[in-house]
Amino acid sequence: MKNFEELSDRLAKKDLDAVQFFDALKKCEYLDAFQINSAEELNSMGLDAMQVQSGNLSLCTRTRNWREQRFCVVDIETNNLLNNPKVIEIGAVTLQNGAVLGEFHSLIFTDFLPEAITNLTGITVEMLKNAPSEAEVLEKFRLFLGTDVFAAHNADFDYTFLSDAFKRRYFAPLLNRKLCTLKLARKTIKSAKYGLGTLRGVLNITDGTLHRALSDAKSAAAVFQEACKNLPKFVVTTENLIEFTKSNKNFLELKLPFMDEG
């Protein structure tokens, strides 16, 4: 099995034999370079798993109520250079049961930025010249993220870019479960479009500005909180929520019974 996501999705459906899981892990692309043999080592890379008395490996998000789950809502800004890709800013907000538990923010050093990125974000090379290195910020961010579910607006981009950044630094990649607030919004919020700028207007989010990492992370967190008010009643666990978000069905059109805000 080359794709870790396939393996973790299997674990999201049922407990798996731990020995067989770790054997399969050694066949996953890139992870074969790491000696991962315990739930604790998986935890250090972001996967919230534990080994149970039966000898099986269990994914905690499979049974945890989504309200009790910690979600880390993330946004990044990058230099947009294909030949030398770098993260230039990370912002994140930790949520649990509607409450903000913490924030993370850092600019990241680089000595060159395309003019288009400066025009888009307002970030200049001058602002980054004394910022910490990418490796330093990635290490701090990983500690902040822990085993939380990684959430972002268009999560595949942020998750993949950050995981690739870890690989470039010869760190282990991210193994956290992930959730896309854009996909979740499409199923729970009525809007003509679902870009973060449009949803800021629909939800009357006035704090911050677009295309800055912490501001966008806070906006995505607000979208997530609003979306969670409108979840169908069958969404109970964290994995229910992740699966609901990934579904191709248009639940707004189906007019399913929604939960009340309490």
Protein backbone atom coordinates (compact mmCIF):
# COMPACT_ATOMS: atom_id res chain seq x y z
CA MET A 1 0.00 0.00 0.00
CA LYS A 2 1.63 3.25 -1.15
CA ASN A 3 -0.92 5.73 0.19
CA PHE A 4 -1.09 6.34 3.95
CA GLU A 5 -4.48 8.03 3.59
CA GLU A 6 -5.98 4.76 2.36
CA LEU A 7 -4.57 2.95 5.39
CA SER A 8 -5.82 5.55 7.86
CA ASP A 9 -9.27 5.54 6.21
CA ARG A 10 -9.42 1.79 6.84
CA LEU A 11 -8.53 2.43 10.48
CA ALA A 12 -11.30 5.05 10.62
CA LYS A 13 -13.86 2.33 9.88
CA LYS A 14 -12.71 -0.36 12.33
CA ASP A 15 -9.87 -1.36 14.65
CA LEU A 16 -7.02 -3.13 12.85
CA ASP A 17 -4.48 -5.66 14.01
CA ALA A 18 -1.54 -3.57 15.22
CA VAL A 19 1.19 -5.84 13.83
CA GLN A 20 -0.44 -5.92 10.41
CA PHE A 21 -1.01 -2.15 10.49
CA PHE A 22 2.63 -1.36 11.23
CA ASP A 23 3.74 -3.82 8.54
CA ALA A 24 1.46 -2.03 6.04
CA LEU A 25 2.82 1.31 7.24
CA LYS A 26 6.33 0.29 6.20
CA LYS A 27 5.02 -0.07 2.63
CA CYS A 28 3.55 3.44 2.50
CA GLU A 29 5.42 5.89 0.31
CA TYR A 30 7.98 7.99 2.26
CA LEU A 31 6.99 6.45 5.62
CA ASP A 32 9.10 3.40 4.79
CA ALA A 33 12.09 5.55 5.80
CA PHE A 34 10.80 5.82 9.38
CA GLN A 35 10.74 3.04 11.95
CA ILE A 36 7.18 3.41 13.27
CA ASN A 37 6.21 0.61 15.62
CA SER A 38 3.96 2.09 18.29
CA ALA A 39 0.87 4.21 18.82
CA GLU A 40 3.04 6.75 20.63
CA GLU A 41 5.15 7.24 17.51
CA LEU A 42 1.99 7.68 15.44
CA ASN A 43 0.80 10.27 17.98
CA SER A 44 4.06 12.22 17.56
CA MET A 45 3.28 12.48 13.84
CA GLY A 46 -0.31 13.56 14.45
CA LEU A 47 -2.40 10.39 14.21
CA ASP A 48 -4.63 10.09 17.29
CA ALA A 49 -4.44 6.32 17.73
CA MET A 50 -4.01 3.93 20.64
CA GLN A 51 -3.26 0.25 21.04
CA VAL A 52 -5.99 -1.64 22.89
CA GLN A 53 -5.80 -4.82 24.98
CA SER A 54 -6.92 -7.01 22.09
CA GLY A 55 -3.68 -6.17 20.27
CA ASN A 56 -5.54 -4.00 17.81
CA LEU A 57 -4.86 -0.41 16.88
CA SER A 58 -7.80 1.94 17.40
CA LEU A 59 -8.36 5.43 15.97
CA CYS A 60 -9.67 7.70 18.73
CA THR A 61 -11.63 9.89 16.30
CA ARG A 62 -13.76 6.88 15.36
CA THR A 63 -15.54 6.85 18.72
CA ARG A 64 -15.03 10.39 20.04
CA ASN A 65 -18.03 12.73 19.86
CA TRP A 66 -17.18 15.54 17.46
CA ARG A 67 -18.07 18.13 20.12
CA GLU A 68 -15.26 16.79 22.31
CA GLN A 69 -12.76 16.74 19.45
CA ARG A 70 -10.01 19.34 19.14
CA PHE A 71 -9.81 20.86 15.66
CA CYS A 72 -6.84 22.93 14.55
CA VAL A 73 -8.02 25.32 11.82
CA VAL A 74 -5.02 26.28 9.70
CA ASP A 75 -4.12 28.68 6.92
CA ILE A 76 -0.79 29.26 5.20
CA GLU A 77 0.68 31.79 2.81
CA THR A 78 3.40 30.63 0.40
CA ASN A 79 5.91 32.15 -2.01
CA ASN A 80 4.14 30.36 -4.92
CA LEU A 81 7.46 29.35 -6.49
CA LEU A 82 7.42 25.93 -8.12
CA ASN A 83 11.22 25.63 -8.20
CA ASN A 84 11.69 26.68 -4.54
CA PRO A 85 8.38 26.33 -2.67
CA LYS A 86 8.29 27.81 0.83
CA VAL A 87 5.76 28.62 3.49
CA ILE A 88 6.04 32.31 4.42
CA GLU A 89 3.30 32.48 7.07
CA ILE A 90 1.32 30.03 9.22
CA GLY A 91 -1.78 30.89 11.24
CA ALA A 92 -3.91 28.47 13.24
CA VAL A 93 -6.78 28.43 15.73
CA THR A 94 -7.62 25.51 18.02
CA LEU A 95 -11.33 24.84 18.60
CA GLN A 96 -13.19 22.47 20.88
CA ASN A 97 -16.97 22.44 21.44
CA GLY A 98 -17.28 25.94 19.99
CA ALA A 99 -14.58 27.47 22.18
CA VAL A 100 -11.26 28.89 20.99
CA LEU A 101 -8.50 27.22 23.01
CA GLY A 102 -5.45 28.83 21.43
CA GLU A 103 -3.83 30.56 18.47
CA PHE A 104 -0.60 30.11 16.55
CA HIS A 105 1.00 32.62 14.21
CA SER A 106 4.40 33.14 12.67
CA LEU A 107 6.00 34.71 9.64
CA ILE A 108 8.84 32.69 8.11
CA PHE A 109 12.15 33.91 6.72
CA THR A 110 12.78 34.15 3.01
CA ASP A 111 15.05 36.45 1.04
CA PHE A 112 12.86 36.68 -2.06
CA LEU A 113 9.16 37.09 -2.77
CA PRO A 114 7.44 37.54 -6.14
CA GLU A 115 5.80 40.93 -6.47
CA ALA A 116 2.45 39.20 -7.07
CA ILE A 117 2.58 37.61 -3.60
CA THR A 118 3.37 40.93 -1.96
CA ASN A 119 0.48 42.54 -3.83
CA LEU A 120 -1.88 39.74 -2.78
CA THR A 121 -0.90 39.39 0.88
CA GLY A 122 0.78 42.66 1.80
CA ILE A 123 3.77 40.62 3.05
CA THR A 124 7.12 42.02 2.01
CA VAL A 125 10.67 40.65 2.13
CA GLU A 126 11.43 43.39 4.65
CA MET A 127 8.82 41.90 6.99
CA LEU A 128 10.41 38.45 6.67
CA LYS A 129 14.12 39.24 6.92
CA ASN A 130 14.22 38.78 10.71
CA ALA A 131 11.57 36.05 10.88
CA PRO A 132 12.49 32.55 12.13
CA SER A 133 13.47 29.84 9.67
CA GLU A 134 10.98 27.49 8.06
CA ALA A 135 12.40 24.53 10.00
CA GLU A 136 12.06 26.34 13.33
CA VAL A 137 8.47 27.38 12.68
CA LEU A 138 7.46 23.94 11.41
CA GLU A 139 8.74 22.32 14.60
CA LYS A 140 6.77 24.78 16.76
CA PHE A 141 3.66 24.36 14.63
CA ARG A 142 3.81 20.58 14.90
CA LEU A 143 3.83 20.86 18.70
CA PHE A 144 0.84 23.24 18.53
CA LEU A 145 -1.06 20.93 16.16
CA GLY A 146 -0.43 17.75 18.13
CA THR A 147 -3.00 15.08 17.31
CA ASP A 148 -5.80 17.57 16.56
CA VAL A 149 -7.85 17.16 13.41
CA PHE A 150 -6.28 19.43 10.77
CA ALA A 151 -8.98 21.69 9.30
CA ALA A 152 -8.62 24.30 6.57
CA HIS A 153 -10.51 25.97 3.74
CA ASN A 154 -9.47 23.81 0.78
CA ALA A 155 -7.65 21.58 3.25
CA ASP A 156 -5.87 19.39 0.67
CA PHE A 157 -3.71 22.33 -0.42
CA ASP A 158 -2.61 23.49 3.05
CA TYR A 159 -2.17 19.94 4.38
CA THR A 160 -0.16 18.73 1.38
CA PHE A 161 1.99 21.85 1.18
CA LEU A 162 2.85 21.68 4.89
CA SER A 163 3.47 17.93 4.78
CA ASP A 164 5.79 18.43 1.81
CA ALA A 165 7.56 21.19 3.74
CA PHE A 166 8.19 18.74 6.59
CA LYS A 167 9.58 16.24 4.08
CA ARG A 168 11.90 18.88 2.57
CA ARG A 169 13.33 19.35 6.06
CA TYR A 170 13.63 15.57 6.48
CA PHE A 171 10.96 15.61 9.17
CA ALA A 172 8.15 13.05 9.31
CA PRO A 173 5.10 14.16 7.30
CA LEU A 174 1.74 15.06 8.82
CA LEU A 175 -0.44 12.06 9.66
CA ASN A 176 -3.32 14.01 11.25
CA ARG A 177 -6.88 13.35 10.17
CA LYS A 178 -8.07 16.28 8.08
CA LEU A 179 -11.30 18.12 7.35
CA CYS A 180 -12.10 20.69 4.65
CA THR A 181 -14.21 23.65 5.80
CA LEU A 182 -14.98 24.57 2.19
CA LYS A 183 -16.57 21.16 1.55
CA LEU A 184 -18.34 21.27 4.91
CA ALA A 185 -19.75 24.73 4.16
CA ARG A 186 -21.19 23.51 0.84
CA LYS A 187 -23.28 20.98 2.76
CA THR A 188 -24.45 23.17 5.63
CA ILE A 189 -24.47 26.86 4.62
CA LYS A 190 -26.53 28.43 1.85
CA SER A 191 -24.36 30.65 -0.32
CA ALA A 192 -23.92 31.46 -4.01
CA LYS A 193 -20.19 30.70 -3.74
CA TYR A 194 -18.02 29.14 -1.07
CA GLY A 195 -14.71 30.98 -1.25
CA LEU A 196 -13.59 32.39 2.09
CA GLY A 197 -14.16 35.96 0.89
CA THR A 198 -17.77 35.23 -0.04
CA LEU A 199 -18.47 33.35 3.19
CA ARG A 200 -17.05 36.22 5.23
CA GLY A 201 -19.78 38.38 3.71
CA VAL A 202 -22.53 35.78 4.10
CA LEU A 203 -21.66 35.21 7.76
CA ASN A 204 -20.86 38.86 8.46
CA ILE A 205 -17.26 38.16 9.48
CA THR A 206 -15.63 41.58 9.68
CA ASP A 207 -12.44 40.94 11.67
CA GLY A 208 -9.14 40.71 9.85
CA THR A 209 -8.42 40.67 6.15
CA LEU A 210 -8.11 38.11 3.38
CA HIS A 211 -4.81 36.48 2.42
CA ARG A 212 -3.13 36.72 5.83
CA ALA A 213 -2.71 33.40 7.55
CA LEU A 214 -4.08 34.02 11.06
CA SER A 215 -6.94 36.16 9.78
CA ASP A 216 -7.94 33.50 7.24
CA ALA A 217 -7.61 30.76 9.86
CA LYS A 218 -9.97 32.70 12.14
CA SER A 219 -12.42 33.17 9.26
CA ALA A 220 -12.30 29.44 8.43
CA ALA A 221 -12.84 28.69 12.13
CA ALA A 222 -15.94 30.91 12.11
CA VAL A 223 -17.20 29.06 9.01
CA PHE A 224 -16.59 25.74 10.78
CA GLN A 225 -18.49 26.87 13.87
CA GLU A 226 -21.45 28.05 11.80
CA ALA A 227 -21.46 24.85 9.74
CA CYS A 228 -21.52 22.72 12.88
CA LYS A 229 -24.84 24.32 13.89
CA ASN A 230 -26.41 22.69 10.83
CA LEU A 231 -25.09 19.13 10.96
CA PRO A 232 -27.48 16.25 10.30
CA LYS A 233 -28.42 14.21 13.36
CA PHE A 234 -26.50 11.17 12.12
CA VAL A 235 -23.21 13.04 12.57
CA VAL A 236 -22.15 11.97 16.05
CA THR A 237 -18.45 11.08 16.04
CA THR A 238 -15.48 12.93 14.59
CA GLU A 239 -15.17 10.34 11.82
CA ASN A 240 -18.90 10.77 11.07
CA LEU A 241 -18.16 14.46 10.55
CA ILE A 242 -15.13 13.81 8.35
CA GLU A 243 -17.07 11.29 6.24
CA PHE A 244 -20.07 13.64 5.98
CA THR A 245 -17.76 16.42 4.79
CA LYS A 246 -16.20 14.20 2.12
CA SER A 247 -19.52 12.87 0.79
CA ASN A 248 -20.52 13.78 -2.76
CA LYS A 249 -24.19 14.12 -1.81
CA ASN A 250 -25.79 17.57 -1.66
CA PHE A 251 -27.31 17.46 1.82
CA LEU A 252 -28.81 20.95 1.62
CA GLU A 253 -30.94 19.82 -1.32
CA LEU A 254 -31.96 16.64 0.54
CA LYS A 255 -33.31 18.82 3.38
CA LEU A 256 -32.23 16.40 6.08
CA PRO A 257 -33.24 17.09 9.69
CA PHE A 258 -30.63 19.29 11.28
CA MET A 259 -29.53 19.50 14.87
CA ASP A 260 -30.48 22.51 16.92
CA GLU A 261 -27.72 24.80 18.11
CA GLY A 262 -27.67 23.35 21.60
